[in-house]
Protein backbone atom coordinates (compact mmCIF):
# COMPACT_ATOMS: atom_id res chain seq x y z
CA MET A 1 -0.02 -0.05 -0.01
CA SER A 2 1.34 3.39 -0.90
CA ILE A 3 1.00 6.21 1.59
CA GLU A 4 1.62 9.83 0.64
CA ILE A 5 4.02 12.11 2.53
CA LYS A 6 2.52 15.60 2.84
CA VAL A 7 3.49 19.03 4.09
CA PRO A 8 1.77 19.28 7.45
CA ALA A 9 -0.12 22.24 8.82
CA MET A 10 2.32 24.58 10.49
CA GLY A 11 0.24 27.42 12.01
CA GLU A 12 -2.25 30.03 10.98
CA SER A 13 0.22 32.36 9.37
CA VAL A 14 2.49 29.80 7.77
CA THR A 15 1.41 28.55 4.39
CA GLU A 16 4.57 27.59 2.68
CA ALA A 17 8.03 26.28 3.43
CA THR A 18 11.34 25.36 1.70
CA VAL A 19 12.61 21.80 1.58
CA ALA A 20 15.93 22.16 3.37
CA ARG A 21 17.09 18.49 2.92
CA TRP A 22 16.05 14.91 2.74
CA PHE A 23 17.44 12.54 5.36
CA LYS A 24 16.40 9.59 3.15
CA LYS A 25 16.53 8.57 -0.56
CA GLU A 26 14.29 6.50 -2.72
CA GLY A 27 14.43 2.77 -1.57
CA ASP A 28 15.59 3.54 1.87
CA ALA A 29 13.85 1.65 4.75
CA VAL A 30 12.07 3.79 7.32
CA THR A 31 10.19 3.32 10.51
CA ARG A 32 7.07 5.19 11.78
CA ASP A 33 7.77 8.66 13.11
CA GLU A 34 11.38 8.65 11.90
CA PRO A 35 12.37 12.02 10.43
CA LEU A 36 12.29 11.86 6.66
CA LEU A 37 13.12 15.52 5.67
CA GLU A 38 13.39 19.04 7.06
CA LEU A 39 11.28 21.99 6.04
CA GLU A 40 12.34 25.48 6.76
CA THR A 41 9.57 28.07 7.35
CA ASP A 42 9.62 31.83 7.97
CA LYS A 43 9.93 30.99 11.75
CA VAL A 44 11.42 27.59 12.46
CA THR A 45 12.56 24.42 10.78
CA VAL A 46 10.19 21.45 10.96
CA GLU A 47 10.97 17.76 10.54
CA VAL A 48 8.43 15.70 8.62
CA PRO A 49 8.07 12.18 10.20
CA ALA A 50 7.38 9.00 8.34
CA PRO A 51 3.67 8.12 8.61
CA ALA A 52 4.22 4.28 8.50
CA ASP A 53 6.97 1.56 8.47
CA GLY A 54 8.17 0.71 5.09
CA ALA A 55 10.42 2.04 2.25
CA ILE A 56 10.62 5.33 0.36
CA GLU A 57 8.72 4.67 -2.76
CA SER A 58 9.22 8.06 -4.48
CA ILE A 59 10.43 11.52 -3.77
CA ALA A 60 8.42 14.31 -5.51
CA VAL A 61 10.39 17.36 -4.45
CA LYS A 62 13.95 18.14 -4.06
CA ALA A 63 16.02 20.28 -1.61
CA GLY A 64 15.44 24.02 -2.30
CA ASP A 65 11.90 23.62 -3.61
CA THR A 66 9.18 25.84 -2.15
CA VAL A 67 6.08 23.87 -1.15
CA GLN A 68 2.63 24.66 0.20
CA VAL A 69 0.79 23.23 3.17
CA GLY A 70 -0.73 19.89 1.94
CA THR A 71 1.77 19.37 -0.94
CA VAL A 72 2.64 15.73 -1.66
CA LEU A 73 6.37 15.35 -0.87
CA GLY A 74 6.63 11.70 -1.89
CA ALA A 75 5.26 8.26 -0.89
CA ILE A 76 6.07 5.35 1.35
CA ALA A 77 5.48 1.74 0.38
CA GLU A 78 3.98 0.53 3.61
CA GLY A 79 5.41 -2.78 4.77
CA ALA A 80 8.29 -2.76 2.21
CA LYS A 81 11.69 -3.88 3.58
CA GLY A 82 13.80 -1.22 1.68
CA THR A 83 17.43 -1.31 0.73
CA HIS A 84 18.82 -1.27 4.31
CA ALA A 85 17.44 -4.55 5.47
CA PRO A 86 20.07 -6.33 7.75
CA VAL A 87 22.27 -9.08 6.48
CA THR A 88 20.87 -12.39 7.60
CA SER A 89 23.98 -14.50 7.10
CA SER A 90 26.58 -14.07 9.76
CA ASN A 91 29.19 -15.61 7.34
CA PRO A 92 28.76 -14.38 3.77
CA ASP A 93 31.77 -16.51 2.61
CA ALA A 94 30.18 -19.77 3.84
CA VAL A 95 29.94 -22.58 1.16
CA VAL A 96 27.23 -25.26 1.52
CA ALA A 97 28.79 -28.74 0.79
CA LYS A 98 26.79 -30.91 -1.70
CA PRO A 99 26.84 -34.71 -1.40
CA GLN A 100 29.05 -36.44 -4.08
CA GLU A 101 27.49 -38.90 -6.55
CA GLY A 102 28.30 -42.51 -6.16
CA PRO A 103 28.42 -45.15 -3.40
CA ALA A 104 31.05 -43.48 -1.37
CA LEU A 105 30.70 -40.14 0.29
CA LYS A 106 33.98 -38.39 1.16
CA VAL A 107 33.67 -36.18 4.25
CA PRO A 108 35.98 -33.14 3.87
CA VAL A 109 38.30 -32.27 6.71
CA THR A 110 37.08 -29.13 8.28
CA PRO A 111 39.87 -26.70 9.08
CA PRO A 112 40.05 -25.27 12.55
CA PRO A 113 38.03 -21.99 12.84
CA ALA A 114 39.92 -18.83 12.43
CA PRO A 115 40.17 -16.62 15.51
CA ALA A 116 37.21 -14.28 15.94
CA PRO A 117 37.95 -10.70 14.85
CA ALA A 118 38.05 -8.00 17.42
CA PRO A 119 34.67 -6.39 17.82
CA LEU A 120 34.18 -3.15 15.90
CA ALA A 121 33.36 0.05 17.81
CA PRO A 122 29.65 0.78 17.33
CA THR A 123 28.92 3.68 14.96
CA PRO A 124 27.53 6.66 16.98
CA GLN A 125 24.04 7.65 16.22
CA VAL A 126 23.86 11.07 14.76
CA MET A 127 20.79 13.30 15.31
CA PRO A 128 19.43 14.86 12.11
CA ALA A 129 20.06 18.36 13.02
CA ALA A 130 23.65 17.45 13.98
CA ARG A 131 24.16 15.77 10.63
CA ARG A 132 22.90 18.79 8.76
CA VAL A 133 25.28 21.15 10.51
CA ALA A 134 28.21 18.70 9.91
CA GLU A 135 27.43 18.33 6.30
CA ASP A 136 27.13 22.04 5.76
CA ALA A 137 30.63 22.40 7.48
CA GLY A 138 32.11 19.65 5.38
CA ILE A 139 33.14 17.26 8.22
CA PRO A 140 31.97 13.69 8.86
CA ALA A 141 29.38 13.68 11.66
CA GLU A 142 30.50 10.22 12.83
CA SER A 143 33.94 11.71 13.67
CA VAL A 144 32.44 13.88 16.33
CA LYS A 145 32.37 12.60 19.90
CA GLY A 146 28.77 12.34 21.13
CA SER A 147 27.67 13.54 24.56
CA GLY A 148 24.00 12.63 24.26
CA ARG A 149 22.14 9.59 25.52
CA ASP A 150 23.93 6.30 24.45
CA GLY A 151 26.64 8.41 22.85
CA ARG A 152 24.40 10.21 20.40
CA VAL A 153 26.00 13.01 18.45
CA THR A 154 23.89 16.18 19.04
CA LYS A 155 23.91 19.54 17.21
CA GLY A 156 25.75 21.02 20.26
CA ASP A 157 28.58 18.49 19.90
CA VAL A 158 29.10 19.35 16.24
CA LEU A 159 29.13 23.07 17.02
CA ALA A 160 31.68 22.52 19.77
CA GLU A 161 33.83 20.47 17.37
CA LEU A 162 33.68 23.21 14.72
CA GLU A 163 34.60 25.79 17.37
CA ALA A 164 37.55 23.75 18.42
CA ARG A 165 38.75 23.26 14.92
CA ALA A 166 38.43 26.98 14.31
CA ARG A 167 40.73 27.76 17.36
CA GLU A 168 43.28 25.31 16.07
CA ARG A 169 43.28 27.00 12.69
CA SER A 170 43.55 30.45 14.19
CA SER A 171 46.53 29.36 16.31
CA ALA A 172 48.36 27.67 13.46
CA PRO A 173 51.45 29.51 12.14
CA VAL A 174 51.16 31.11 8.64
CA THR A 175 53.69 29.41 6.35
CA GLN A 176 53.10 31.24 3.16
CA VAL A 177 52.32 34.88 2.23
CA SER A 178 50.72 35.57 -1.18
CA SER A 179 52.95 37.71 -3.24
CA GLY A 180 50.09 39.23 -5.27
CA PRO A 181 46.33 39.94 -5.24
CA ARG A 182 44.11 36.87 -5.21
CA PRO A 183 41.26 36.41 -7.65
CA LYS A 184 38.07 37.92 -6.58
CA ALA A 185 36.37 34.42 -6.53
CA ASP A 186 38.83 33.34 -3.82
CA ARG A 187 38.06 36.35 -1.67
CA GLU A 188 34.22 36.24 -1.73
CA GLU A 189 31.55 33.68 -1.10
CA ARG A 190 27.97 34.02 -2.33
CA VAL A 191 25.37 32.15 -0.27
CA ALA A 192 21.63 32.33 -0.78
CA MET A 193 19.89 33.71 2.33
CA THR A 194 17.89 31.13 4.19
CA ARG A 195 14.08 31.70 4.51
CA LEU A 196 14.51 32.57 8.18
CA ARG A 197 17.21 35.06 7.63
CA LYS A 198 15.13 36.75 4.89
CA THR A 199 12.13 36.85 7.15
CA ILE A 200 14.18 38.40 9.99
CA ALA A 201 15.58 41.02 7.67
CA LEU A 202 12.04 41.91 6.29
CA ARG A 203 10.42 42.12 9.77
CA LEU A 204 13.16 44.24 11.26
CA LYS A 205 12.97 46.71 8.30
CA GLU A 206 9.26 46.84 8.53
CA SER A 207 9.50 47.57 12.14
CA GLN A 208 11.73 50.43 11.67
CA ASN A 209 9.51 51.79 8.76
CA THR A 210 6.33 51.51 10.69
CA ALA A 211 6.94 52.40 14.30
CA ALA A 212 8.24 55.63 15.75
CA GLN A 213 11.06 53.88 17.59
CA LEU A 214 12.94 55.69 20.37
CA THR A 215 15.30 54.26 23.00
CA THR A 216 15.87 55.26 26.62
CA PHE A 217 18.80 53.97 28.80
CA ASN A 218 19.52 53.42 32.47
CA GLU A 219 22.02 51.49 34.49
CA ILE A 220 21.44 48.79 37.19
CA ASP A 221 23.57 47.88 40.19
CA MET A 222 23.58 44.13 40.03
CA SER A 223 25.14 43.60 43.57
CA HIS A 224 21.99 42.53 45.43
CA VAL A 225 20.68 40.10 42.74
CA MET A 226 24.16 38.66 42.22
CA ALA A 227 24.53 38.10 46.02
CA LEU A 228 21.03 36.52 46.19
CA ARG A 229 21.90 34.24 43.25
CA THR A 230 25.20 33.23 44.73
CA ALA A 231 23.55 32.42 48.15
CA TYR A 232 20.74 30.22 46.77
CA LYS A 233 21.74 28.96 43.41
CA ASP A 234 22.83 25.51 44.59
CA GLN A 235 19.67 24.98 46.62
CA PHE A 236 17.58 26.31 43.76
CA GLU A 237 19.08 23.94 41.20
CA LYS A 238 18.76 21.01 43.60
CA LYS A 239 15.08 21.67 44.31
CA HIS A 240 13.87 22.80 40.95
CA LYS A 241 16.29 20.85 38.54
CA VAL A 242 17.14 24.16 36.66
CA LYS A 243 19.90 26.67 37.15
CA LEU A 244 19.07 30.09 38.54
CA GLY A 245 20.13 32.87 36.04
CA PHE A 246 19.48 36.57 35.83
CA MET A 247 16.83 36.37 33.04
CA GLY A 248 14.24 35.11 35.51
CA PHE A 249 14.63 38.13 37.66
CA PHE A 250 14.29 40.43 34.65
CA VAL A 251 11.22 38.60 33.35
CA LYS A 252 9.54 39.10 36.80
CA ALA A 253 10.68 42.76 36.97
CA VAL A 254 9.31 43.43 33.47
CA VAL A 255 5.97 41.88 34.22
CA SER A 256 5.65 43.99 37.44
CA ALA A 257 6.55 47.16 35.43
CA LEU A 258 4.14 46.27 32.67
CA LYS A 259 1.31 46.05 35.09
CA GLU A 260 1.97 49.72 36.08
CA ILE A 261 2.59 51.00 32.58
CA PRO A 262 -0.01 49.13 30.38
CA SER A 263 0.73 51.12 27.22
CA ILE A 264 3.99 49.26 26.81
CA ASN A 265 2.13 45.97 26.76
CA ALA A 266 -0.27 47.19 24.10
CA GLU A 267 -0.21 47.53 20.36
CA ILE A 268 -1.74 49.52 17.57
CA GLU A 269 -4.19 47.95 15.34
CA GLY A 270 -5.51 50.25 12.61
CA ASP A 271 -6.97 53.25 14.47
CA ASP A 272 -7.27 51.33 17.75
CA ILE A 273 -4.95 50.69 20.64
CA VAL A 274 -5.24 47.16 21.93
CA TYR A 275 -4.36 46.76 25.68
CA LYS A 276 -3.30 43.33 26.71
CA ASN A 277 -4.37 42.12 30.04
CA TYR A 278 -1.93 39.13 29.81
CA TYR A 279 1.84 38.95 29.76
CA ASP A 280 3.40 36.66 27.04
CA ILE A 281 7.10 37.65 27.35
CA GLY A 282 9.17 36.90 24.37
CA VAL A 283 12.81 35.83 25.15
CA ALA A 284 15.32 36.19 22.21
CA VAL A 285 17.27 33.00 21.65
CA SER A 286 20.28 32.83 19.26
CA THR A 287 20.62 29.85 16.94
CA ASP A 288 23.12 29.04 14.12
CA LYS A 289 20.36 30.25 11.61
CA GLY A 290 19.44 33.43 13.28
CA LEU A 291 17.46 34.99 16.23
CA VAL A 292 14.09 33.57 17.28
CA VAL A 293 11.91 34.90 20.00
CA PRO A 294 9.67 32.27 21.59
CA ALA A 295 7.13 33.58 24.06
CA LEU A 296 6.65 32.56 27.70
CA ARG A 297 2.86 32.35 27.97
CA ASP A 298 1.16 34.03 31.05
CA ALA A 299 4.64 34.84 32.61
CA ASP A 300 2.88 36.63 35.41
CA GLN A 301 1.51 33.32 36.62
CA LEU A 302 4.83 31.58 36.61
CA SER A 303 7.16 31.18 39.56
CA LEU A 304 10.83 32.16 39.22
CA ALA A 305 11.65 28.53 38.73
CA GLY A 306 8.95 28.16 36.09
CA VAL A 307 10.37 31.10 34.17
CA GLU A 308 13.89 29.68 34.33
CA ALA A 309 12.67 26.17 33.27
CA GLY A 310 10.84 27.71 30.34
CA ILE A 311 13.80 29.70 29.16
CA ALA A 312 16.11 26.74 29.48
CA ASP A 313 13.69 24.60 27.46
CA PHE A 314 13.41 27.20 24.72
CA GLY A 315 17.22 27.55 24.42
CA LYS A 316 17.70 23.79 24.00
CA ARG A 317 14.90 23.30 21.55
CA ALA A 318 15.89 26.36 19.55
CA ARG A 319 19.39 25.03 19.03
CA ASP A 320 17.94 21.60 17.97
CA GLY A 321 15.29 23.12 15.69
CA LYS A 322 12.51 21.78 17.82
CA LEU A 323 10.57 24.92 18.47
CA LYS A 324 6.83 24.99 17.46
CA ILE A 325 5.30 27.65 15.23
CA GLU A 326 2.77 28.72 17.90
CA GLU A 327 5.48 29.32 20.43
CA LEU A 328 6.90 32.07 18.17
CA GLN A 329 3.65 33.90 17.88
CA GLY A 330 1.56 36.41 19.93
CA GLY A 331 4.20 37.79 22.31
CA THR A 332 3.25 41.11 24.12
CA PHE A 333 6.78 42.31 25.11
CA SER A 334 10.27 41.11 24.43
CA ILE A 335 13.63 40.79 26.21
CA THR A 336 16.97 40.37 24.49
CA ASN A 337 20.35 39.83 26.23
CA GLY A 338 23.31 40.96 24.16
CA GLY A 339 25.40 40.74 27.34
CA THR A 340 25.96 37.04 26.72
CA PHE A 341 28.05 38.02 23.64
CA GLY A 342 29.82 40.83 25.50
CA SER A 343 27.70 43.72 24.34
CA LEU A 344 28.05 46.81 26.67
CA MET A 345 25.24 48.96 25.09
CA SER A 346 22.92 48.76 22.10
CA THR A 347 19.44 49.90 20.87
CA PRO A 348 17.24 46.86 20.24
CA ILE A 349 14.70 46.97 17.39
CA LEU A 350 11.11 46.40 18.17
CA ASN A 351 9.61 43.01 17.57
CA SER A 352 6.54 44.30 15.68
CA PRO A 353 3.65 44.74 16.45
CA GLN A 354 4.89 44.95 20.01
CA SER A 355 5.40 48.41 21.59
CA GLY A 356 8.50 47.64 23.68
CA ILE A 357 11.59 45.58 23.92
CA LEU A 358 14.15 45.55 26.79
CA GLY A 359 17.88 45.08 26.00
CA MET A 360 20.12 43.65 28.71
CA HIS A 361 23.84 43.97 28.45
CA LYS A 362 27.17 42.79 29.97
CA ILE A 363 27.71 43.08 33.71
CA GLN A 364 30.88 45.11 34.15
CA PRO A 365 32.52 46.37 37.34
CA ARG A 366 32.53 50.21 37.28
CA PRO A 367 33.21 53.01 39.75
CA VAL A 368 29.89 54.54 41.06
CA ALA A 369 29.17 57.12 43.73
CA ASP A 370 27.83 55.84 47.09
CA GLY A 371 27.02 58.91 49.05
CA ASN A 372 30.41 60.74 49.29
CA ASN A 373 32.40 57.62 48.42
CA ILE A 374 33.46 56.07 45.13
CA VAL A 375 32.98 52.33 45.12
CA ILE A 376 33.25 49.57 42.54
CA ARG A 377 29.97 47.81 41.70
CA PRO A 378 28.92 45.31 39.06
CA MET A 379 26.80 47.42 36.76
CA MET A 380 24.63 46.72 33.71
CA TYR A 381 23.39 49.12 31.12
CA VAL A 382 19.77 48.53 30.11
CA ALA A 383 17.88 49.81 27.11
CA LEU A 384 14.21 50.13 26.40
CA SER A 385 13.19 50.66 22.80
CA TYR A 386 9.56 51.73 22.47
CA ASP A 387 6.99 52.87 19.86
CA HIS A 388 6.55 56.61 20.52
CA ARG A 389 3.15 56.57 18.78
CA ILE A 390 1.68 54.88 21.75
CA VAL A 391 4.22 55.16 24.57
CA ASP A 392 5.14 58.69 25.86
CA GLY A 393 8.69 59.39 27.09
CA LYS A 394 7.60 59.75 30.60
CA GLU A 395 6.02 56.28 30.59
CA ALA A 396 9.07 54.71 28.95
CA VAL A 397 11.50 56.29 31.52
CA THR A 398 9.16 55.26 34.42
CA PHE A 399 9.04 51.72 33.17
CA LEU A 400 12.85 51.40 32.97
CA VAL A 401 13.16 52.90 36.58
CA LYS A 402 10.62 50.32 37.81
CA VAL A 403 12.72 47.53 36.33
CA LYS A 404 15.90 49.09 37.80
CA GLU A 405 14.29 49.36 41.29
CA ALA A 406 13.08 45.74 41.23
CA ILE A 407 16.43 44.36 40.23
CA GLU A 408 18.47 46.37 42.73
CA ASP A 409 16.03 45.30 45.54
CA PRO A 410 14.95 41.78 44.45
CA GLN A 411 12.97 41.26 47.66
CA ARG A 412 10.39 43.58 46.12
CA LEU A 413 9.72 40.97 43.49
CA LEU A 414 8.91 38.38 46.15
CA LEU A 415 6.73 40.78 48.15
CA GLU A 416 5.17 42.23 44.90
CA VAL A 417 5.56 45.86 46.17
């Protein structure tokens, strides 16, 4: 029986995708729910699983093709064994002796068995996302040491291997210096933009063209929240099975400030202002293909541990390409942390149609005034970009001061004052 492989539904606003790559070829054996190919949409990459056990009967589209929801991608011959069936004979060189004709039957002398060969090391299982990154980088995925369950090679393992090789290349001595200009083709590389990168570029430019964007800055003394984290991070991780970071405190501080300045949690829709009485906080996550912003739903109802667990889960699934379409839609406010990459100050761009985004930055010891004394404190610059069409300057500054006060006195978050 032939079963069609179709492009699945991927959310209300997603109607088409690009075929990134096939993991199988025609004739390959497959098992139910095994990833067959990867589709790249405007928001995430999606793996299409096998609908049944069998073998790939046909492939109707190739990598790079644009397909619509419901398009037939190929077919599976249900129940077929495919070309990767296991070898049934443990000794392919074995010869079956035939009885000789005539009255006498000579029994051949069987030579002593050869010593058994040393067992081969098992080939590590490579996850599809890891294999894709390895192939793009031109290295064999099986050569990467796996850290996943049962030695599985994950995407993170491949990225770590590429980073290690890059460090080795950068530290290697230069043995030859070119005596003349190189051809232009050797100095440039032209690569087609991915669908995700094109969408990011389009949305950011649209945001700049539509909103009246303005940014206000402040700085936060991180001493108290760092002391609190140091005192309780081990107990926190032991009890909640998740690490205690700084993002959780900022999410709680942002929610508290949004409740006092509701215009920053609103958006413009035509000639109306839509005020949101819920708090879906988008948290920017960096992947090898670009920045994605999954939203923590009803963040005001989450505990600090719940916020940290949600952020950790987003980060892991974003790197493995496992985020769902609906998780990237409908946020009311966003937070981005350039400090993880060393940024000291920046002006984040609004995640349209939202009216505000908070930029966190690197924590750096700086001299500050404490009364009549100069002291060294761990300080962080923060930036709020906002849509001036809906948010007044006074509201933006007040919002940022509220966030600053909550982080500098984290007990206020617990007491909700």
